[in-house]
């Protein structure tokens, strides 16, 4: 069996969170049927986007706050009916950029590559240590207009050769990117990472005045809580020290980009994402 893991991101200063759900293809098919039916229920909406739901804009501008919350509860019921584990990984984007931007390579200038590859490894580790599963995993990311798509594909190609065997045995097809308005499982990931980001904000700033919205408590009371990991400033600094030690052992001075200009900027961003 091949699992499909859908990954989305939720960003609001200062937090950048990535994560999602995983399930077998037949589970996603059943989820999609129920999700489509709920989207079509009166009053019909085209998609679920938590940023719009929270602000009652876009598809959600037709609802009062109680109506919106009741509709979201129905979508949460579908998530809980079909899906089990969800995971999310977050960090403070400013802390990350203060350490890495302009230091090593374009690859490390923004958190997308760092968190995206962290999601891949987290999924494989969940399989091995928590689920005891040897199934292969295909990864589907939200179609984020970011040149670091090519970075993740390059990582995948490299890791398919150099990763430990237990990881390689769980690697499915190369990651792909899809539009969340068309590939509905990504809307599940959107709900999860939005909730995870709000959870992280509240944990980091417990004294913060809550926003005038009932969306967070409504979702938290019903949604199965994600496995949430926050990468701290100390974690980021340790990873920076690890990279510097690798440069030091190799005798190569730390320089921005390097390695033949990062293989000619990843073969011109994989020929502009295959045009």
C-alpha atoms as a PDB file:
ATOM      1  CA  UNK A   1       0.000   0.000   0.000  1.00  0.00           C
ATOM      2  CA  UNK A   2       1.128   3.558  -0.744  1.00  0.00           C
ATOM      3  CA  UNK A   3       0.158   6.345   1.639  1.00  0.00           C
ATOM      4  CA  UNK A   4      -0.452   9.908   0.480  1.00  0.00           C
ATOM      5  CA  UNK A   5       0.720  12.719   2.747  1.00  0.00           C
ATOM      6  CA  UNK A   6      -0.704  16.197   2.046  1.00  0.00           C
ATOM      7  CA  UNK A   7       1.274  19.202   3.286  1.00  0.00           C
ATOM      8  CA  UNK A   8       0.277  22.853   3.531  1.00  0.00           C
ATOM      9  CA  UNK A   9       1.740  25.922   5.186  1.00  0.00           C
ATOM     10  CA  UNK A  10       0.300  28.643   7.408  1.00  0.00           C
ATOM     11  CA  UNK A  11       2.235  31.873   7.808  1.00  0.00           C
ATOM     12  CA  UNK A  12       1.519  34.895   9.953  1.00  0.00           C
ATOM     13  CA  UNK A  13       4.239  37.037  11.451  1.00  0.00           C
ATOM     14  CA  UNK A  14       6.233  35.736  13.171  1.00  0.00           C
ATOM     15  CA  UNK A  15       5.237  32.073  12.809  1.00  0.00           C
ATOM     16  CA  UNK A  16       5.740  29.781   9.818  1.00  0.00           C
ATOM     17  CA  UNK A  17       4.062  26.373  10.187  1.00  0.00           C
ATOM     18  CA  UNK A  18       3.979  23.391   7.814  1.00  0.00           C
ATOM     19  CA  UNK A  19       2.263  20.054   8.247  1.00  0.00           C
ATOM     20  CA  UNK A  20      -0.633  17.899   7.193  1.00  0.00           C
ATOM     21  CA  UNK A  21      -2.373  14.541   7.184  1.00  0.00           C
ATOM     22  CA  UNK A  22      -1.622  11.155   5.670  1.00  0.00           C
ATOM     23  CA  UNK A  23      -3.876   8.307   4.606  1.00  0.00           C
ATOM     24  CA  UNK A  24      -4.287   5.605   1.980  1.00  0.00           C
ATOM     25  CA  UNK A  25      -5.653   6.603  -1.428  1.00  0.00           C
ATOM     26  CA  UNK A  26      -9.001   4.900  -0.768  1.00  0.00           C
ATOM     27  CA  UNK A  27      -9.356   6.829   2.503  1.00  0.00           C
ATOM     28  CA  UNK A  28      -8.697  10.099   0.680  1.00  0.00           C
ATOM     29  CA  UNK A  29     -11.316   9.114  -1.922  1.00  0.00           C
ATOM     30  CA  UNK A  30     -13.940   8.586   0.799  1.00  0.00           C
ATOM     31  CA  UNK A  31     -12.893  11.833   2.503  1.00  0.00           C
ATOM     32  CA  UNK A  32     -13.170  13.725  -0.798  1.00  0.00           C
ATOM     33  CA  UNK A  33     -16.693  12.412  -1.444  1.00  0.00           C
ATOM     34  CA  UNK A  34     -17.900  13.601   1.977  1.00  0.00           C
ATOM     35  CA  UNK A  35     -16.033  16.917   1.700  1.00  0.00           C
ATOM     36  CA  UNK A  36     -17.567  17.580  -1.734  1.00  0.00           C
ATOM     37  CA  UNK A  37     -21.040  16.814  -0.394  1.00  0.00           C
ATOM     38  CA  UNK A  38     -20.554  19.273   2.472  1.00  0.00           C
ATOM     39  CA  UNK A  39     -19.221  21.970   0.138  1.00  0.00           C
ATOM     40  CA  UNK A  40     -22.329  21.519  -2.017  1.00  0.00           C
ATOM     41  CA  UNK A  41     -24.757  21.706   0.918  1.00  0.00           C
ATOM     42  CA  UNK A  42     -26.813  24.931   1.039  1.00  0.00           C
ATOM     43  CA  UNK A  43     -25.442  27.545   1.160  1.00  0.00           C
ATOM     44  CA  UNK A  44     -22.859  26.159  -1.265  1.00  0.00           C
ATOM     45  CA  UNK A  45     -19.197  27.168  -0.921  1.00  0.00           C
ATOM     46  CA  UNK A  46     -16.398  26.393  -3.359  1.00  0.00           C
ATOM     47  CA  UNK A  47     -13.619  25.477  -0.919  1.00  0.00           C
ATOM     48  CA  UNK A  48     -12.452  25.728   2.700  1.00  0.00           C
ATOM     49  CA  UNK A  49      -9.675  28.191   3.433  1.00  0.00           C
ATOM     50  CA  UNK A  50      -9.156  28.909   7.117  1.00  0.00           C
ATOM     51  CA  UNK A  51      -7.799  32.410   6.608  1.00  0.00           C
ATOM     52  CA  UNK A  52     -11.056  33.310   4.896  1.00  0.00           C
ATOM     53  CA  UNK A  53     -13.138  31.436   7.474  1.00  0.00           C
ATOM     54  CA  UNK A  54     -11.469  33.289  10.365  1.00  0.00           C
ATOM     55  CA  UNK A  55     -12.109  36.706   8.812  1.00  0.00           C
ATOM     56  CA  UNK A  56     -15.460  35.739   7.251  1.00  0.00           C
ATOM     57  CA  UNK A  57     -14.203  36.789   3.835  1.00  0.00           C
ATOM     58  CA  UNK A  58     -14.085  35.062   0.452  1.00  0.00           C
ATOM     59  CA  UNK A  59     -16.302  31.959   0.483  1.00  0.00           C
ATOM     60  CA  UNK A  60     -17.261  32.635   4.097  1.00  0.00           C
ATOM     61  CA  UNK A  61     -18.502  36.215   3.702  1.00  0.00           C
ATOM     62  CA  UNK A  62     -22.105  34.962   3.461  1.00  0.00           C
ATOM     63  CA  UNK A  63     -22.114  33.559   7.008  1.00  0.00           C
ATOM     64  CA  UNK A  64     -22.712  35.122  10.384  1.00  0.00           C
ATOM     65  CA  UNK A  65     -20.181  34.074  13.016  1.00  0.00           C
ATOM     66  CA  UNK A  66     -22.429  31.365  14.545  1.00  0.00           C
ATOM     67  CA  UNK A  67     -23.318  30.076  11.066  1.00  0.00           C
ATOM     68  CA  UNK A  68     -19.656  29.917  10.093  1.00  0.00           C
ATOM     69  CA  UNK A  69     -18.741  28.035  13.253  1.00  0.00           C
ATOM     70  CA  UNK A  70     -21.551  25.534  12.729  1.00  0.00           C
ATOM     71  CA  UNK A  71     -20.412  24.953   9.146  1.00  0.00           C
ATOM     72  CA  UNK A  72     -16.807  24.481  10.197  1.00  0.00           C
ATOM     73  CA  UNK A  73     -17.932  21.960  12.822  1.00  0.00           C
ATOM     74  CA  UNK A  74     -19.410  19.835  10.026  1.00  0.00           C
ATOM     75  CA  UNK A  75     -16.098  19.873   8.159  1.00  0.00           C
ATOM     76  CA  UNK A  76     -14.275  18.931  11.367  1.00  0.00           C
ATOM     77  CA  UNK A  77     -16.614  15.936  11.727  1.00  0.00           C
ATOM     78  CA  UNK A  78     -15.487  14.791   8.268  1.00  0.00           C
ATOM     79  CA  UNK A  79     -11.816  15.211   9.209  1.00  0.00           C
ATOM     80  CA  UNK A  80     -12.272  13.186  12.384  1.00  0.00           C
ATOM     81  CA  UNK A  81     -14.320  10.517  10.605  1.00  0.00           C
ATOM     82  CA  UNK A  82     -11.692   9.740   7.966  1.00  0.00           C
ATOM     83  CA  UNK A  83      -8.307  10.878   9.274  1.00  0.00           C
ATOM     84  CA  UNK A  84      -6.124   9.927  12.189  1.00  0.00           C
ATOM     85  CA  UNK A  85      -2.769  11.475  12.882  1.00  0.00           C
ATOM     86  CA  UNK A  86      -1.958  14.959  11.721  1.00  0.00           C
ATOM     87  CA  UNK A  87       1.369  16.647  12.352  1.00  0.00           C
ATOM     88  CA  UNK A  88       2.691  20.197  12.200  1.00  0.00           C
ATOM     89  CA  UNK A  89       6.122  21.774  12.595  1.00  0.00           C
ATOM     90  CA  UNK A  90       6.626  25.459  13.229  1.00  0.00           C
ATOM     91  CA  UNK A  91       9.236  28.092  13.926  1.00  0.00           C
ATOM     92  CA  UNK A  92       9.673  31.823  14.381  1.00  0.00           C
ATOM     93  CA  UNK A  93      10.438  33.042  10.856  1.00  0.00           C
ATOM     94  CA  UNK A  94      12.365  36.126  12.042  1.00  0.00           C
ATOM     95  CA  UNK A  95      14.609  34.047  14.314  1.00  0.00           C
ATOM     96  CA  UNK A  96      15.269  31.637  11.460  1.00  0.00           C
ATOM     97  CA  UNK A  97      16.078  34.384   8.931  1.00  0.00           C
ATOM     98  CA  UNK A  98      18.336  36.231  11.393  1.00  0.00           C
ATOM     99  CA  UNK A  99      20.490  33.082  11.569  1.00  0.00           C
ATOM    100  CA  UNK A 100      20.417  31.780   7.985  1.00  0.00           C
ATOM    101  CA  UNK A 101      19.480  34.474   5.463  1.00  0.00           C
ATOM    102  CA  UNK A 102      22.441  35.376   3.270  1.00  0.00           C
ATOM    103  CA  UNK A 103      24.786  32.941   5.045  1.00  0.00           C
ATOM    104  CA  UNK A 104      24.861  29.640   3.152  1.00  0.00           C
ATOM    105  CA  UNK A 105      22.661  29.500   0.081  1.00  0.00           C
ATOM    106  CA  UNK A 106      19.357  30.603  -1.361  1.00  0.00           C
ATOM    107  CA  UNK A 107      18.202  27.161  -0.182  1.00  0.00           C
ATOM    108  CA  UNK A 108      18.387  28.305   3.433  1.00  0.00           C
ATOM    109  CA  UNK A 109      17.262  31.922   3.057  1.00  0.00           C
ATOM    110  CA  UNK A 110      13.616  31.185   3.917  1.00  0.00           C
ATOM    111  CA  UNK A 111      12.069  28.440   6.086  1.00  0.00           C
ATOM    112  CA  UNK A 112      10.112  26.660   3.323  1.00  0.00           C
ATOM    113  CA  UNK A 113      12.870  24.199   2.367  1.00  0.00           C
ATOM    114  CA  UNK A 114      13.930  23.649   5.977  1.00  0.00           C
ATOM    115  CA  UNK A 115      10.382  22.897   7.175  1.00  0.00           C
ATOM    116  CA  UNK A 116       9.379  21.047   4.001  1.00  0.00           C
ATOM    117  CA  UNK A 117      12.207  18.534   4.329  1.00  0.00           C
ATOM    118  CA  UNK A 118      11.586  18.342   8.078  1.00  0.00           C
ATOM    119  CA  UNK A 119       8.003  17.272   7.243  1.00  0.00           C
ATOM    120  CA  UNK A 120       9.296  14.477   5.015  1.00  0.00           C
ATOM    121  CA  UNK A 121      11.571  13.143   7.741  1.00  0.00           C
ATOM    122  CA  UNK A 122       8.858  13.508  10.390  1.00  0.00           C
ATOM    123  CA  UNK A 123       6.456  11.433   8.301  1.00  0.00           C
ATOM    124  CA  UNK A 124       8.996   8.642   7.840  1.00  0.00           C
ATOM    125  CA  UNK A 125       9.831   8.661  11.554  1.00  0.00           C
ATOM    126  CA  UNK A 126       6.126   8.488  12.475  1.00  0.00           C
ATOM    127  CA  UNK A 127       5.847   5.463  10.236  1.00  0.00           C
ATOM    128  CA  UNK A 128       8.828   3.686  11.667  1.00  0.00           C
ATOM    129  CA  UNK A 129       8.525   4.443  15.373  1.00  0.00           C
ATOM    130  CA  UNK A 130       4.817   5.110  15.998  1.00  0.00           C
ATOM    131  CA  UNK A 131       2.866   3.273  13.298  1.00  0.00           C
ATOM    132  CA  UNK A 132       5.350   0.428  12.710  1.00  0.00           C
ATOM    133  CA  UNK A 133       4.522   0.747   9.010  1.00  0.00           C
ATOM    134  CA  UNK A 134       6.747   0.023   6.023  1.00  0.00           C
ATOM    135  CA  UNK A 135       4.375   1.509   3.423  1.00  0.00           C
ATOM    136  CA  UNK A 136       5.794   3.916   0.898  1.00  0.00           C
ATOM    137  CA  UNK A 137       4.625   7.541   1.033  1.00  0.00           C
ATOM    138  CA  UNK A 138       3.820   9.972  -1.766  1.00  0.00           C
ATOM    139  CA  UNK A 139       3.933  13.647  -0.764  1.00  0.00           C
ATOM    140  CA  UNK A 140       1.596  16.288  -2.170  1.00  0.00           C
ATOM    141  CA  UNK A 141       2.306  19.932  -1.298  1.00  0.00           C
ATOM    142  CA  UNK A 142       0.035  22.925  -1.697  1.00  0.00           C
ATOM    143  CA  UNK A 143       0.946  24.702  -4.924  1.00  0.00           C
ATOM    144  CA  UNK A 144       3.038  27.400  -3.303  1.00  0.00           C
ATOM    145  CA  UNK A 145       4.601  29.774  -5.839  1.00  0.00           C
ATOM    146  CA  UNK A 146       8.066  29.476  -4.411  1.00  0.00           C
ATOM    147  CA  UNK A 147      11.332  28.593  -6.181  1.00  0.00           C
ATOM    148  CA  UNK A 148      12.181  26.253  -3.316  1.00  0.00           C
ATOM    149  CA  UNK A 149      10.072  23.571  -4.957  1.00  0.00           C
ATOM    150  CA  UNK A 150      13.222  22.810  -6.929  1.00  0.00           C
ATOM    151  CA  UNK A 151      15.193  22.681  -3.672  1.00  0.00           C
ATOM    152  CA  UNK A 152      12.895  20.015  -2.237  1.00  0.00           C
ATOM    153  CA  UNK A 153      13.052  17.940  -5.423  1.00  0.00           C
ATOM    154  CA  UNK A 154      16.855  18.174  -5.351  1.00  0.00           C
ATOM    155  CA  UNK A 155      16.837  17.048  -1.710  1.00  0.00           C
ATOM    156  CA  UNK A 156      14.584  14.129  -2.678  1.00  0.00           C
ATOM    157  CA  UNK A 157      16.899  13.016  -5.475  1.00  0.00           C
ATOM    158  CA  UNK A 158      19.910  13.204  -3.166  1.00  0.00           C
ATOM    159  CA  UNK A 159      18.159  11.518  -0.242  1.00  0.00           C
ATOM    160  CA  UNK A 160      16.907   8.655  -2.422  1.00  0.00           C
ATOM    161  CA  UNK A 161      20.579   7.660  -2.700  1.00  0.00           C
ATOM    162  CA  UNK A 162      22.116   8.772   0.604  1.00  0.00           C
ATOM    163  CA  UNK A 163      19.332   8.341   3.185  1.00  0.00           C
ATOM    164  CA  UNK A 164      19.376   5.399   5.594  1.00  0.00           C
ATOM    165  CA  UNK A 165      17.825   2.302   4.055  1.00  0.00           C
ATOM    166  CA  UNK A 166      14.786   2.416   6.374  1.00  0.00           C
ATOM    167  CA  UNK A 167      13.964   5.877   4.979  1.00  0.00           C
ATOM    168  CA  UNK A 168      14.641   4.967   1.351  1.00  0.00           C
ATOM    169  CA  UNK A 169      12.329   1.975   1.673  1.00  0.00           C
ATOM    170  CA  UNK A 170       9.487   4.349   2.602  1.00  0.00           C
ATOM    171  CA  UNK A 171      10.036   6.869  -0.200  1.00  0.00           C
ATOM    172  CA  UNK A 172       7.310   6.797  -2.848  1.00  0.00           C
ATOM    173  CA  UNK A 173       7.181   8.926  -5.995  1.00  0.00           C
ATOM    174  CA  UNK A 174       8.829  12.358  -6.171  1.00  0.00           C
ATOM    175  CA  UNK A 175       6.852  15.108  -4.388  1.00  0.00           C
ATOM    176  CA  UNK A 176       4.259  17.009  -6.409  1.00  0.00           C
ATOM    177  CA  UNK A 177       2.449  20.332  -5.939  1.00  0.00           C
ATOM    178  CA  UNK A 178      -1.286  20.796  -6.459  1.00  0.00           C
ATOM    179  CA  UNK A 179      -3.891  23.570  -6.155  1.00  0.00           C
ATOM    180  CA  UNK A 180      -5.774  23.143  -2.873  1.00  0.00           C
ATOM    181  CA  UNK A 181      -8.990  24.400  -4.494  1.00  0.00           C
ATOM    182  CA  UNK A 182      -8.860  21.456  -6.891  1.00  0.00           C
ATOM    183  CA  UNK A 183      -7.137  18.746  -4.812  1.00  0.00           C
ATOM    184  CA  UNK A 184      -9.451  18.653  -1.803  1.00  0.00           C
ATOM    185  CA  UNK A 185      -7.260  16.693   0.666  1.00  0.00           C
ATOM    186  CA  UNK A 186      -5.049  19.794   0.777  1.00  0.00           C
ATOM    187  CA  UNK A 187      -7.966  21.674   2.338  1.00  0.00           C
ATOM    188  CA  UNK A 188      -7.749  19.242   5.251  1.00  0.00           C
ATOM    189  CA  UNK A 189      -4.077  20.184   5.641  1.00  0.00           C
ATOM    190  CA  UNK A 190      -5.026  23.886   5.504  1.00  0.00           C
ATOM    191  CA  UNK A 191      -7.381  23.436   8.464  1.00  0.00           C
ATOM    192  CA  UNK A 192      -4.774  21.514  10.437  1.00  0.00           C
ATOM    193  CA  UNK A 193      -1.849  23.925   9.981  1.00  0.00           C
ATOM    194  CA  UNK A 194      -4.030  26.962  10.671  1.00  0.00           C
ATOM    195  CA  UNK A 195      -5.137  25.436  13.975  1.00  0.00           C
ATOM    196  CA  UNK A 196      -1.546  24.358  14.747  1.00  0.00           C
ATOM    197  CA  UNK A 197      -0.258  27.893  14.142  1.00  0.00           C
ATOM    198  CA  UNK A 198      -2.893  29.380  16.416  1.00  0.00           C
ATOM    199  CA  UNK A 199      -2.031  26.782  19.072  1.00  0.00           C
ATOM    200  CA  UNK A 200       1.647  27.684  18.783  1.00  0.00           C
ATOM    201  CA  UNK A 201       0.903  31.408  19.053  1.00  0.00           C
ATOM    202  CA  UNK A 202      -1.139  30.877  22.202  1.00  0.00           C
ATOM    203  CA  UNK A 203       1.572  28.684  23.729  1.00  0.00           C
ATOM    204  CA  UNK A 204       4.290  31.225  22.979  1.00  0.00           C
ATOM    205  CA  UNK A 205       2.268  34.247  24.068  1.00  0.00           C
ATOM    206  CA  UNK A 206      -0.156  33.027  26.735  1.00  0.00           C
ATOM    207  CA  UNK A 207      -0.788  36.574  27.972  1.00  0.00           C
ATOM    208  CA  UNK A 208      -1.796  37.783  24.522  1.00  0.00           C
ATOM    209  CA  UNK A 209      -5.303  39.228  24.271  1.00  0.00           C
ATOM    210  CA  UNK A 210      -7.412  36.680  22.342  1.00  0.00           C
ATOM    211  CA  UNK A 211      -8.736  37.683  18.943  1.00  0.00           C
ATOM    212  CA  UNK A 212     -12.464  38.495  18.810  1.00  0.00           C
ATOM    213  CA  UNK A 213     -13.326  35.219  17.072  1.00  0.00           C
ATOM    214  CA  UNK A 214     -14.879  31.949  18.200  1.00  0.00           C
ATOM    215  CA  UNK A 215     -13.173  29.954  15.426  1.00  0.00           C
ATOM    216  CA  UNK A 216     -10.251  28.757  17.534  1.00  0.00           C
ATOM    217  CA  UNK A 217     -12.177  27.317  20.506  1.00  0.00           C
ATOM    218  CA  UNK A 218     -14.799  25.873  18.154  1.00  0.00           C
ATOM    219  CA  UNK A 219     -12.173  23.995  16.162  1.00  0.00           C
ATOM    220  CA  UNK A 220     -10.048  22.993  19.138  1.00  0.00           C
ATOM    221  CA  UNK A 221     -12.997  21.458  20.912  1.00  0.00           C
ATOM    222  CA  UNK A 222     -13.634  19.103  18.007  1.00  0.00           C
ATOM    223  CA  UNK A 223     -10.543  18.588  15.884  1.00  0.00           C
ATOM    224  CA  UNK A 224      -8.187  15.779  16.853  1.00  0.00           C
ATOM    225  CA  UNK A 225      -5.107  17.656  18.090  1.00  0.00           C
ATOM    226  CA  UNK A 226      -2.105  17.518  15.742  1.00  0.00           C
ATOM    227  CA  UNK A 227       1.305  16.288  16.764  1.00  0.00           C
ATOM    228  CA  UNK A 228       2.881  19.739  17.095  1.00  0.00           C
ATOM    229  CA  UNK A 229       6.615  20.359  17.198  1.00  0.00           C
ATOM    230  CA  UNK A 230       8.029  23.853  17.616  1.00  0.00           C
ATOM    231  CA  UNK A 231      11.619  24.453  16.514  1.00  0.00           C
ATOM    232  CA  UNK A 232      13.143  26.834  19.038  1.00  0.00           C
ATOM    233  CA  UNK A 233      15.852  29.440  18.657  1.00  0.00           C
ATOM    234  CA  UNK A 234      18.227  27.025  20.393  1.00  0.00           C
ATOM    235  CA  UNK A 235      17.371  24.286  17.861  1.00  0.00           C
ATOM    236  CA  UNK A 236      18.069  26.668  14.970  1.00  0.00           C
ATOM    237  CA  UNK A 237      21.382  27.782  16.459  1.00  0.00           C
ATOM    238  CA  UNK A 238      22.429  24.147  17.008  1.00  0.00           C
ATOM    239  CA  UNK A 239      21.686  23.353  13.364  1.00  0.00           C
ATOM    240  CA  UNK A 240      23.722  26.392  12.295  1.00  0.00           C
ATOM    241  CA  UNK A 241      26.637  25.170  14.445  1.00  0.00           C
ATOM    242  CA  UNK A 242      26.325  21.714  12.861  1.00  0.00           C
ATOM    243  CA  UNK A 243      26.548  23.201   9.346  1.00  0.00           C
ATOM    244  CA  UNK A 244      29.557  25.300  10.310  1.00  0.00           C
ATOM    245  CA  UNK A 245      31.300  22.244  11.761  1.00  0.00           C
ATOM    246  CA  UNK A 246      30.771  20.385   8.469  1.00  0.00           C
ATOM    247  CA  UNK A 247      32.354  23.247   6.559  1.00  0.00           C
ATOM    248  CA  UNK A 248      35.221  23.314   9.055  1.00  0.00           C
ATOM    249  CA  UNK A 249      35.903  19.564   8.732  1.00  0.00           C
ATOM    250  CA  UNK A 250      35.881  19.803   4.939  1.00  0.00           C
ATOM    251  CA  UNK A 251      38.338  22.697   4.944  1.00  0.00           C
ATOM    252  CA  UNK A 252      35.958  24.753   2.807  1.00  0.00           C
ATOM    253  CA  UNK A 253      35.279  28.272   4.110  1.00  0.00           C
ATOM    254  CA  UNK A 254      31.643  29.255   4.631  1.00  0.00           C
ATOM    255  CA  UNK A 255      30.521  31.269   1.619  1.00  0.00           C
ATOM    256  CA  UNK A 256      27.135  32.279   0.306  1.00  0.00           C
ATOM    257  CA  UNK A 257      25.680  29.864  -2.282  1.00  0.00           C
ATOM    258  CA  UNK A 258      28.913  28.175  -3.452  1.00  0.00           C
ATOM    259  CA  UNK A 259      28.964  24.551  -4.697  1.00  0.00           C
ATOM    260  CA  UNK A 260      29.122  25.802  -8.280  1.00  0.00           C
ATOM    261  CA  UNK A 261      26.523  28.411  -7.489  1.00  0.00           C
ATOM    262  CA  UNK A 262      24.301  25.716  -6.051  1.00  0.00           C
ATOM    263  CA  UNK A 263      24.555  23.636  -9.184  1.00  0.00           C
ATOM    264  CA  UNK A 264      23.749  26.629 -11.362  1.00  0.00           C
ATOM    265  CA  UNK A 265      20.773  27.450  -9.167  1.00  0.00           C
ATOM    266  CA  UNK A 266      19.428  23.964  -9.372  1.00  0.00           C
ATOM    267  CA  UNK A 267      19.622  23.787 -13.127  1.00  0.00           C
ATOM    268  CA  UNK A 268      17.718  27.035 -13.422  1.00  0.00           C
ATOM    269  CA  UNK A 269      15.047  25.966 -10.997  1.00  0.00           C
ATOM    270  CA  UNK A 270      14.617  22.651 -12.761  1.00  0.00           C
ATOM    271  CA  UNK A 271      14.188  24.403 -16.046  1.00  0.00           C
ATOM    272  CA  UNK A 272      11.602  26.734 -14.559  1.00  0.00           C
ATOM    273  CA  UNK A 273       9.639  23.839 -13.073  1.00  0.00           C
ATOM    274  CA  UNK A 274       9.550  22.127 -16.451  1.00  0.00           C
ATOM    275  CA  UNK A 275       7.953  25.266 -17.887  1.00  0.00           C
END
